Structure formats: structure tokens, C-alpha cells
Amino acid sequence: MPAVILARFVLLEARRSGLPWLIVASLAAGLGLAAFLSQVAVTESVSLQTAIVAAFLRACAVFLVAVHVASSTQREIQDKGLELMLSLPLARSTHYLGRLAGHACGGAVVAACFALPLAYWAPPPAVALWGLSLAIEAALVAAAALFFAMALAQLVAAIASVAGLYLLARSITAIQAIASGPLAEESLLGRLARWSVDAVALLLPRLDAVTRTEWLLYGIPAPAQYAQALGAVALYALLLVAAGLFDFHRRNL
């Protein structure tokens, strides 16, 4: 299938780029951080190592996937490679979905590489669920990065948009808790602020419910809770794919 061939080319490009070396550097930094924490922690050093290293590797995975997808897409647009590919007798949806599939597979590889070292501190079933969740999260980030890279003309703007979407989705639950806390004002302005925060929360994925460090520390979540959290993220990724396809079809390249 043409989409599979395009996905394979995307994976080959990722392998020949600096992404593998960045993965190795991130793993080395994570292991170095774990070694440092083992020396300074007074009690519960294993739990501290697991929590800090897992959070660090998750952030590295999201950052690497977003930057790689956005830079690869922008470079192909600037080099007129995308126009050359569109001259082939293939549908635009095939081009878009093939590239996204390749980037999603690359994100899954990154997630597997970053989840594997955690098996030294956490039980393998918990690490496997954490890694699968990170792979779904990386696929969402890849879909967002591809959408913003195609829609925006600047690389920095695309990366900043992905980072803003991710950080807001990660922190929106905390923002809602602060907005509805006991110290919140009961004035009209305060109610409008809470309604605005709730409206924004409806438009964002619940990224705070996936790839949780507590799974590695206190055991795996309930199957229904785990499936619901990952299903919501996968559904949001599909919405991003639909938006990207719509934007890609209407543009004149």
C-alpha cells in the first residue's frame, strides 16, 4: 500500500536523522539523574528515582517527537519535497495518513526505548502499561505536530503551539481545581472565569489521566479506568487527524 511505503520512508528518515542519538542522550541523562538521586535520597530512594526519571523521560519523549515531526514536515515543505510527492497519482489523504503513521510508529519506538529502563525500578506489568500509554500520548503529539506544522508557516510557531496544547492539557485539571477552590470569588467575574476554564477543558484531552507515575509506584490502574483514559486520548488524536486532513485538502501547495 502507498501509505505503508510512505510510513516506511518516514521511519527511515527518522533513523538517519539525529533522533536516535537524542534518544541515547536522553536515556544517559535519565540514568545519570537516577544515579545522582540514589546518592542524595535519605529514604525511599527507589520511589524517588522512579518518579523523577519517569517524569523526565516522559517529557523528553514528548519533546523529541514534537520537534522531530515539526522540523521534518517544515523541512520537506521548504525543500519542495511535499510538492513533488503530491505530483504523484496518490490521494492527499494517503500522503497525510502515511506520514502520520510513520511518525506515530516512531513515537512508539521512542516510548518503548524510554519505558524499558524503568523496568529496573518498577514491576514489568506496570512498565508495560506505562509504555503503552506513552506511545498513545506520543501519537497524539505527533498528530498535533503534523497538524500545526502543515497549518503554520514557521517551525518555532508550530513547536510552540504543540507545547502550549500539551502543557495546557496536562495542567487544565489543576487549573479547574484552583478556579473552583474555596478561595475563589463568588462574584460574576469569578463565575465567568470558572465557566471559561470549564469550557476550555471540554476542548482539551485529559493528558493528566494517562502515563501516570503512580502506576509505577503503587500498581496498575483498573482496566476500565485505563481503557477510558487511553480511549479519550485516542479519540482526540483522531479529531486532530480529521482537522489535519481537512486543512491539507483545502490548501493550495
C-alpha atoms as a PDB file:
ATOM      1  CA  MET A   1       0.000   0.000   0.000  1.00  0.00           C
ATOM      2  CA  PRO A   2       1.251   3.538  -0.726  1.00  0.00           C
ATOM      3  CA  ALA A   3       0.537   4.713   2.814  1.00  0.00           C
ATOM      4  CA  VAL A   4       2.673   1.911   4.229  1.00  0.00           C
ATOM      5  CA  ILE A   5       5.515   2.818   1.879  1.00  0.00           C
ATOM      6  CA  LEU A   6       5.312   6.464   2.953  1.00  0.00           C
ATOM      7  CA  ALA A   7       5.323   5.429   6.602  1.00  0.00           C
ATOM      8  CA  ARG A   8       8.436   3.332   5.955  1.00  0.00           C
ATOM      9  CA  PHE A   9      10.187   6.310   4.347  1.00  0.00           C
ATOM     10  CA  VAL A  10       9.308   8.458   7.374  1.00  0.00           C
ATOM     11  CA  LEU A  11      10.821   5.848   9.695  1.00  0.00           C
ATOM     12  CA  LEU A  12      13.956   5.645   7.557  1.00  0.00           C
ATOM     13  CA  GLU A  13      14.296   9.418   7.706  1.00  0.00           C
ATOM     14  CA  ALA A  14      13.957   9.327  11.490  1.00  0.00           C
ATOM     15  CA  ARG A  15      16.601   6.601  11.771  1.00  0.00           C
ATOM     16  CA  ARG A  16      19.048   8.549   9.598  1.00  0.00           C
ATOM     17  CA  SER A  17      18.483  11.805  11.441  1.00  0.00           C
ATOM     18  CA  GLY A  18      19.801  12.807  14.829  1.00  0.00           C
ATOM     19  CA  LEU A  19      16.771  11.360  16.634  1.00  0.00           C
ATOM     20  CA  PRO A  20      18.446   8.074  17.700  1.00  0.00           C
ATOM     21  CA  TRP A  21      21.360   9.978  19.206  1.00  0.00           C
ATOM     22  CA  LEU A  22      18.970  12.284  21.051  1.00  0.00           C
ATOM     23  CA  ILE A  23      17.192   9.232  22.457  1.00  0.00           C
ATOM     24  CA  VAL A  24      20.514   7.833  23.674  1.00  0.00           C
ATOM     25  CA  ALA A  25      21.457  11.197  25.188  1.00  0.00           C
ATOM     26  CA  SER A  26      18.095  11.441  26.968  1.00  0.00           C
ATOM     27  CA  LEU A  27      18.478   7.925  28.362  1.00  0.00           C
ATOM     28  CA  ALA A  28      22.004   8.723  29.532  1.00  0.00           C
ATOM     29  CA  ALA A  29      20.754  11.894  31.225  1.00  0.00           C
ATOM     30  CA  GLY A  30      17.918   9.972  32.865  1.00  0.00           C
ATOM     31  CA  LEU A  31      20.230   7.260  34.173  1.00  0.00           C
ATOM     32  CA  GLY A  32      22.669   9.894  35.402  1.00  0.00           C
ATOM     33  CA  LEU A  33      19.824  11.622  37.215  1.00  0.00           C
ATOM     34  CA  ALA A  34      18.839   8.298  38.795  1.00  0.00           C
ATOM     35  CA  ALA A  35      22.418   7.721  39.969  1.00  0.00           C
ATOM     36  CA  PHE A  36      22.520  11.211  41.474  1.00  0.00           C
ATOM     37  CA  LEU A  37      19.209  10.703  43.287  1.00  0.00           C
ATOM     38  CA  SER A  38      20.396   7.386  44.708  1.00  0.00           C
ATOM     39  CA  GLN A  39      23.229   9.253  46.433  1.00  0.00           C
ATOM     40  CA  VAL A  40      21.260  12.185  47.820  1.00  0.00           C
ATOM     41  CA  ALA A  41      17.986  10.499  48.816  1.00  0.00           C
ATOM     42  CA  VAL A  42      17.762   9.685  52.506  1.00  0.00           C
ATOM     43  CA  THR A  43      14.667   7.450  52.414  1.00  0.00           C
ATOM     44  CA  GLU A  44      12.606   5.793  49.671  1.00  0.00           C
ATOM     45  CA  SER A  45      15.322   6.314  47.105  1.00  0.00           C
ATOM     46  CA  VAL A  46      13.785   3.777  44.704  1.00  0.00           C
ATOM     47  CA  SER A  47      10.418   5.548  44.679  1.00  0.00           C
ATOM     48  CA  LEU A  48      12.103   8.914  44.214  1.00  0.00           C
ATOM     49  CA  GLN A  49      14.229   7.586  41.359  1.00  0.00           C
ATOM     50  CA  THR A  50      11.217   6.040  39.655  1.00  0.00           C
ATOM     51  CA  ALA A  51       9.069   9.164  39.935  1.00  0.00           C
ATOM     52  CA  ILE A  52      11.699  11.660  38.809  1.00  0.00           C
ATOM     53  CA  VAL A  53      13.151   9.550  35.995  1.00  0.00           C
ATOM     54  CA  ALA A  54       9.695   8.601  34.665  1.00  0.00           C
ATOM     55  CA  ALA A  55       8.610  12.251  34.565  1.00  0.00           C
ATOM     56  CA  PHE A  56      11.895  13.251  32.913  1.00  0.00           C
ATOM     57  CA  LEU A  57      11.695  10.549  30.238  1.00  0.00           C
ATOM     58  CA  ARG A  58       8.051  11.308  29.507  1.00  0.00           C
ATOM     59  CA  ALA A  59       8.888  14.974  28.948  1.00  0.00           C
ATOM     60  CA  CYS A  60      11.839  14.010  26.738  1.00  0.00           C
ATOM     61  CA  ALA A  61       9.677  11.686  24.656  1.00  0.00           C
ATOM     62  CA  VAL A  62       7.042  14.349  24.048  1.00  0.00           C
ATOM     63  CA  PHE A  63       9.650  16.987  23.222  1.00  0.00           C
ATOM     64  CA  LEU A  64      11.607  14.764  20.816  1.00  0.00           C
ATOM     65  CA  VAL A  65       8.504  13.600  18.959  1.00  0.00           C
ATOM     66  CA  ALA A  66       7.103  17.116  18.620  1.00  0.00           C
ATOM     67  CA  VAL A  67      10.361  18.660  17.427  1.00  0.00           C
ATOM     68  CA  HIS A  68      11.152  15.829  15.024  1.00  0.00           C
ATOM     69  CA  VAL A  69       7.708  15.799  13.399  1.00  0.00           C
ATOM     70  CA  ALA A  70       7.508  19.576  13.089  1.00  0.00           C
ATOM     71  CA  SER A  71      11.058  20.005  11.775  1.00  0.00           C
ATOM     72  CA  SER A  72      10.745  17.110   9.322  1.00  0.00           C
ATOM     73  CA  THR A  73       7.481  18.467   7.942  1.00  0.00           C
ATOM     74  CA  GLN A  74       8.716  22.046   7.686  1.00  0.00           C
ATOM     75  CA  ARG A  75      11.939  20.933   6.003  1.00  0.00           C
ATOM     76  CA  GLU A  76      10.018  18.969   3.394  1.00  0.00           C
ATOM     77  CA  ILE A  77       7.744  21.924   2.723  1.00  0.00           C
ATOM     78  CA  GLN A  78      10.677  24.336   2.389  1.00  0.00           C
ATOM     79  CA  ASP A  79      12.595  21.944   0.095  1.00  0.00           C
ATOM     80  CA  LYS A  80       9.536  21.476  -2.157  1.00  0.00           C
ATOM     81  CA  GLY A  81       9.638  17.764  -1.419  1.00  0.00           C
ATOM     82  CA  LEU A  82       5.974  17.778  -0.459  1.00  0.00           C
ATOM     83  CA  GLU A  83       5.015  19.315  -3.800  1.00  0.00           C
ATOM     84  CA  LEU A  84       6.999  16.613  -5.572  1.00  0.00           C
ATOM     85  CA  MET A  85       5.198  13.899  -3.623  1.00  0.00           C
ATOM     86  CA  LEU A  86       1.821  15.463  -4.373  1.00  0.00           C
ATOM     87  CA  SER A  87       2.585  15.297  -8.095  1.00  0.00           C
ATOM     88  CA  LEU A  88       2.348  11.509  -7.845  1.00  0.00           C
ATOM     89  CA  PRO A  89      -1.028   9.873  -8.593  1.00  0.00           C
ATOM     90  CA  LEU A  90      -1.927   9.470  -4.935  1.00  0.00           C
ATOM     91  CA  ALA A  91      -4.699  10.979  -2.861  1.00  0.00           C
ATOM     92  CA  ARG A  92      -3.816  13.681  -0.375  1.00  0.00           C
ATOM     93  CA  SER A  93      -5.299  11.625   2.413  1.00  0.00           C
ATOM     94  CA  THR A  94      -2.841   8.844   1.553  1.00  0.00           C
ATOM     95  CA  HIS A  95       0.084  11.268   1.835  1.00  0.00           C
ATOM     96  CA  TYR A  96      -1.107  12.680   5.139  1.00  0.00           C
ATOM     97  CA  LEU A  97      -2.073   9.394   6.784  1.00  0.00           C
ATOM     98  CA  GLY A  98       1.093   7.664   5.577  1.00  0.00           C
ATOM     99  CA  ARG A  99       3.292  10.340   7.117  1.00  0.00           C
ATOM    100  CA  LEU A 100       1.292  10.354  10.322  1.00  0.00           C
ATOM    101  CA  ALA A 101       1.503   6.565  10.582  1.00  0.00           C
ATOM    102  CA  GLY A 102       5.275   6.737  10.212  1.00  0.00           C
ATOM    103  CA  HIS A 103       5.598   9.427  12.866  1.00  0.00           C
ATOM    104  CA  ALA A 104       3.246   7.533  15.198  1.00  0.00           C
ATOM    105  CA  CYS A 105       5.357   4.384  14.803  1.00  0.00           C
ATOM    106  CA  GLY A 106       8.459   6.438  15.510  1.00  0.00           C
ATOM    107  CA  GLY A 107       6.791   7.780  18.646  1.00  0.00           C
ATOM    108  CA  ALA A 108       6.005   4.213  19.726  1.00  0.00           C
ATOM    109  CA  VAL A 109       9.680   3.293  19.318  1.00  0.00           C
ATOM    110  CA  VAL A 110      10.686   6.297  21.425  1.00  0.00           C
ATOM    111  CA  ALA A 111       8.155   5.296  24.094  1.00  0.00           C
ATOM    112  CA  ALA A 112       9.492   1.720  24.158  1.00  0.00           C
ATOM    113  CA  CYS A 113      13.079   2.940  24.488  1.00  0.00           C
ATOM    114  CA  PHE A 114      12.175   5.221  27.379  1.00  0.00           C
ATOM    115  CA  ALA A 115       9.961   2.684  29.171  1.00  0.00           C
ATOM    116  CA  LEU A 116      12.498  -0.146  29.103  1.00  0.00           C
ATOM    117  CA  PRO A 117      14.938   1.314  31.721  1.00  0.00           C
ATOM    118  CA  LEU A 118      12.076   1.789  34.182  1.00  0.00           C
ATOM    119  CA  ALA A 119      11.757  -1.998  34.488  1.00  0.00           C
ATOM    120  CA  TYR A 120      14.802  -1.826  36.782  1.00  0.00           C
ATOM    121  CA  TRP A 121      12.774   0.009  39.449  1.00  0.00           C
ATOM    122  CA  ALA A 122       9.116  -0.864  38.715  1.00  0.00           C
ATOM    123  CA  PRO A 123       7.210  -4.111  38.044  1.00  0.00           C
ATOM    124  CA  PRO A 124       7.166  -5.138  34.364  1.00  0.00           C
ATOM    125  CA  PRO A 125       3.322  -5.076  34.023  1.00  0.00           C
ATOM    126  CA  ALA A 126       3.215  -1.508  35.289  1.00  0.00           C
ATOM    127  CA  VAL A 127       6.075  -0.522  32.974  1.00  0.00           C
ATOM    128  CA  ALA A 128       4.294  -2.129  30.014  1.00  0.00           C
ATOM    129  CA  LEU A 129       1.069  -0.209  30.683  1.00  0.00           C
ATOM    130  CA  TRP A 130       3.040   2.991  31.243  1.00  0.00           C
ATOM    131  CA  GLY A 131       4.925   2.484  27.979  1.00  0.00           C
ATOM    132  CA  LEU A 132       1.733   1.764  26.015  1.00  0.00           C
ATOM    133  CA  SER A 133       0.171   4.912  27.439  1.00  0.00           C
ATOM    134  CA  LEU A 134       3.267   6.906  26.479  1.00  0.00           C
ATOM    135  CA  ALA A 135       3.055   5.513  22.945  1.00  0.00           C
ATOM    136  CA  ILE A 136      -0.584   6.696  22.643  1.00  0.00           C
ATOM    137  CA  GLU A 137       0.421  10.069  24.071  1.00  0.00           C
ATOM    138  CA  ALA A 138       3.298  10.299  21.580  1.00  0.00           C
ATOM    139  CA  ALA A 139       0.885   9.503  18.735  1.00  0.00           C
ATOM    140  CA  LEU A 140      -1.322  12.384  19.892  1.00  0.00           C
ATOM    141  CA  VAL A 141       1.680  14.707  19.997  1.00  0.00           C
ATOM    142  CA  ALA A 142       2.736  13.545  16.519  1.00  0.00           C
ATOM    143  CA  ALA A 143      -0.763  14.266  15.171  1.00  0.00           C
ATOM    144  CA  ALA A 144      -0.731  17.721  16.761  1.00  0.00           C
ATOM    145  CA  ALA A 145       2.773  18.486  15.493  1.00  0.00           C
ATOM    146  CA  LEU A 146       1.902  17.402  11.955  1.00  0.00           C
ATOM    147  CA  PHE A 147      -1.266  19.497  12.009  1.00  0.00           C
ATOM    148  CA  PHE A 148       0.446  22.656  13.269  1.00  0.00           C
ATOM    149  CA  ALA A 149       3.474  22.176  11.006  1.00  0.00           C
ATOM    150  CA  MET A 150       1.202  21.931   7.980  1.00  0.00           C
ATOM    151  CA  ALA A 151      -1.060  24.798   9.042  1.00  0.00           C
ATOM    152  CA  LEU A 152       1.591  27.267  10.220  1.00  0.00           C
ATOM    153  CA  ALA A 153       4.425  28.689   8.178  1.00  0.00           C
ATOM    154  CA  GLN A 154       7.077  28.832  10.914  1.00  0.00           C
ATOM    155  CA  LEU A 155       8.813  25.993  12.737  1.00  0.00           C
ATOM    156  CA  VAL A 156       9.011  27.851  16.044  1.00  0.00           C
ATOM    157  CA  ALA A 157       5.306  28.678  15.891  1.00  0.00           C
ATOM    158  CA  ALA A 158       4.433  25.038  15.232  1.00  0.00           C
ATOM    159  CA  ILE A 159       6.552  23.741  18.129  1.00  0.00           C
ATOM    160  CA  ALA A 160       5.233  26.455  20.446  1.00  0.00           C
ATOM    161  CA  SER A 161       1.647  25.552  19.526  1.00  0.00           C
ATOM    162  CA  VAL A 162       2.223  21.877  20.279  1.00  0.00           C
ATOM    163  CA  ALA A 163       3.939  22.731  23.567  1.00  0.00           C
ATOM    164  CA  GLY A 164       1.130  25.075  24.559  1.00  0.00           C
ATOM    165  CA  LEU A 165      -1.534  22.484  23.746  1.00  0.00           C
ATOM    166  CA  TYR A 166       0.307  19.758  25.648  1.00  0.00           C
ATOM    167  CA  LEU A 167       1.081  21.815  28.751  1.00  0.00           C
ATOM    168  CA  LEU A 168      -2.457  23.190  28.923  1.00  0.00           C
ATOM    169  CA  ALA A 169      -3.932  19.703  28.538  1.00  0.00           C
ATOM    170  CA  ARG A 170      -1.627  18.424  31.271  1.00  0.00           C
ATOM    171  CA  SER A 171      -2.488  21.208  33.709  1.00  0.00           C
ATOM    172  CA  ILE A 172      -6.134  22.003  32.946  1.00  0.00           C
ATOM    173  CA  THR A 173      -7.414  19.805  35.792  1.00  0.00           C
ATOM    174  CA  ALA A 174      -5.240  21.666  38.292  1.00  0.00           C
ATOM    175  CA  ILE A 175      -6.417  24.973  36.842  1.00  0.00           C
ATOM    176  CA  GLN A 176     -10.033  23.868  37.276  1.00  0.00           C
ATOM    177  CA  ALA A 177      -9.335  22.893  40.888  1.00  0.00           C
ATOM    178  CA  ILE A 178      -7.800  26.296  41.600  1.00  0.00           C
ATOM    179  CA  ALA A 179     -10.663  28.135  39.861  1.00  0.00           C
ATOM    180  CA  SER A 180     -13.302  26.280  41.900  1.00  0.00           C
ATOM    181  CA  GLY A 181     -11.395  26.165  45.181  1.00  0.00           C
ATOM    182  CA  PRO A 182     -12.579  27.615  48.499  1.00  0.00           C
ATOM    183  CA  LEU A 183     -10.647  30.835  47.889  1.00  0.00           C
ATOM    184  CA  ALA A 184     -12.368  31.517  44.559  1.00  0.00           C
ATOM    185  CA  GLU A 185     -14.544  34.605  44.415  1.00  0.00           C
ATOM    186  CA  GLU A 186     -18.308  34.151  44.141  1.00  0.00           C
ATOM    187  CA  SER A 187     -18.733  37.296  42.078  1.00  0.00           C
ATOM    188  CA  LEU A 188     -19.955  37.368  38.497  1.00  0.00           C
ATOM    189  CA  LEU A 189     -16.393  37.725  37.261  1.00  0.00           C
ATOM    190  CA  GLY A 190     -15.319  34.687  39.273  1.00  0.00           C
ATOM    191  CA  ARG A 191     -18.159  32.577  37.891  1.00  0.00           C
ATOM    192  CA  LEU A 192     -17.317  33.667  34.357  1.00  0.00           C
ATOM    193  CA  ALA A 193     -13.702  32.671  34.928  1.00  0.00           C
ATOM    194  CA  ARG A 194     -14.749  29.204  36.140  1.00  0.00           C
ATOM    195  CA  TRP A 195     -17.103  28.749  33.196  1.00  0.00           C
ATOM    196  CA  SER A 196     -14.350  29.795  30.815  1.00  0.00           C
ATOM    197  CA  VAL A 197     -11.918  27.303  32.337  1.00  0.00           C
ATOM    198  CA  ASP A 198     -14.532  24.544  32.142  1.00  0.00           C
ATOM    199  CA  ALA A 199     -15.237  25.412  28.502  1.00  0.00           C
ATOM    200  CA  VAL A 200     -11.544  25.212  27.649  1.00  0.00           C
ATOM    201  CA  ALA A 201     -11.299  21.885  29.484  1.00  0.00           C
ATOM    202  CA  LEU A 202     -14.010  20.443  27.245  1.00  0.00           C
ATOM    203  CA  LEU A 203     -11.840  21.179  24.204  1.00  0.00           C
ATOM    204  CA  LEU A 204      -8.703  19.502  25.551  1.00  0.00           C
ATOM    205  CA  PRO A 205      -7.684  15.879  26.098  1.00  0.00           C
ATOM    206  CA  ARG A 206      -7.221  14.604  29.652  1.00  0.00           C
ATOM    207  CA  LEU A 207      -3.480  14.060  29.426  1.00  0.00           C
ATOM    208  CA  ASP A 208      -3.161  14.169  33.191  1.00  0.00           C
ATOM    209  CA  ALA A 209      -5.049  10.846  33.297  1.00  0.00           C
ATOM    210  CA  VAL A 210      -2.526   8.948  31.142  1.00  0.00           C
ATOM    211  CA  THR A 211       1.133   7.927  31.608  1.00  0.00           C
ATOM    212  CA  ARG A 212       0.854   8.477  35.336  1.00  0.00           C
ATOM    213  CA  THR A 213       3.865   7.931  37.546  1.00  0.00           C
ATOM    214  CA  GLU A 214       1.697   6.452  40.284  1.00  0.00           C
ATOM    215  CA  TRP A 215       1.151   3.381  38.103  1.00  0.00           C
ATOM    216  CA  LEU A 216       4.830   2.586  38.505  1.00  0.00           C
ATOM    217  CA  LEU A 217       4.831   3.260  42.242  1.00  0.00           C
ATOM    218  CA  TYR A 218       1.527   1.923  43.546  1.00  0.00           C
ATOM    219  CA  GLY A 219       0.350  -0.610  40.990  1.00  0.00           C
ATOM    220  CA  ILE A 220      -1.510  -0.727  37.707  1.00  0.00           C
ATOM    221  CA  PRO A 221      -4.876   1.052  37.371  1.00  0.00           C
ATOM    222  CA  ALA A 222      -8.227  -0.641  36.960  1.00  0.00           C
ATOM    223  CA  PRO A 223      -8.759  -1.933  33.410  1.00  0.00           C
ATOM    224  CA  ALA A 224     -11.869   0.196  32.868  1.00  0.00           C
ATOM    225  CA  GLN A 225     -10.139   3.351  34.082  1.00  0.00           C
ATOM    226  CA  TYR A 226      -7.070   2.625  31.963  1.00  0.00           C
ATOM    227  CA  ALA A 227      -9.100   1.925  28.822  1.00  0.00           C
ATOM    228  CA  GLN A 228     -11.239   5.031  29.335  1.00  0.00           C
ATOM    229  CA  ALA A 229      -8.206   7.299  29.729  1.00  0.00           C
ATOM    230  CA  LEU A 230      -6.419   5.927  26.661  1.00  0.00           C
ATOM    231  CA  GLY A 231      -9.615   5.882  24.624  1.00  0.00           C
ATOM    232  CA  ALA A 232     -10.213   9.570  25.287  1.00  0.00           C
ATOM    233  CA  VAL A 233      -6.676  10.439  24.156  1.00  0.00           C
ATOM    234  CA  ALA A 234      -7.006   8.253  21.046  1.00  0.00           C
ATOM    235  CA  LEU A 235     -10.320   9.926  20.190  1.00  0.00           C
ATOM    236  CA  TYR A 236      -8.739  13.365  20.467  1.00  0.00           C
ATOM    237  CA  ALA A 237      -5.911  12.196  18.214  1.00  0.00           C
ATOM    238  CA  LEU A 238      -8.492  11.139  15.624  1.00  0.00           C
ATOM    239  CA  LEU A 239     -10.058  14.601  15.830  1.00  0.00           C
ATOM    240  CA  LEU A 240      -6.647  16.140  15.161  1.00  0.00           C
ATOM    241  CA  VAL A 241      -6.200  13.806  12.190  1.00  0.00           C
ATOM    242  CA  ALA A 242      -9.592  14.866  10.808  1.00  0.00           C
ATOM    243  CA  ALA A 243      -8.710  18.544  11.242  1.00  0.00           C
ATOM    244  CA  GLY A 244      -5.343  17.992   9.578  1.00  0.00           C
ATOM    245  CA  LEU A 245      -6.914  16.198   6.619  1.00  0.00           C
ATOM    246  CA  PHE A 246      -9.459  18.974   6.175  1.00  0.00           C
ATOM    247  CA  ASP A 247      -6.764  21.659   6.254  1.00  0.00           C
ATOM    248  CA  PHE A 248      -4.472  19.663   3.949  1.00  0.00           C
ATOM    249  CA  HIS A 249      -7.191  19.131   1.344  1.00  0.00           C
ATOM    250  CA  ARG A 250      -8.205  22.783   1.177  1.00  0.00           C
ATOM    251  CA  ARG A 251      -4.674  24.180   0.853  1.00  0.00           C
ATOM    252  CA  ASN A 252      -3.009  25.000  -2.441  1.00  0.00           C
ATOM    253  CA  LEU A 253       0.586  23.703  -2.346  1.00  0.00           C
END
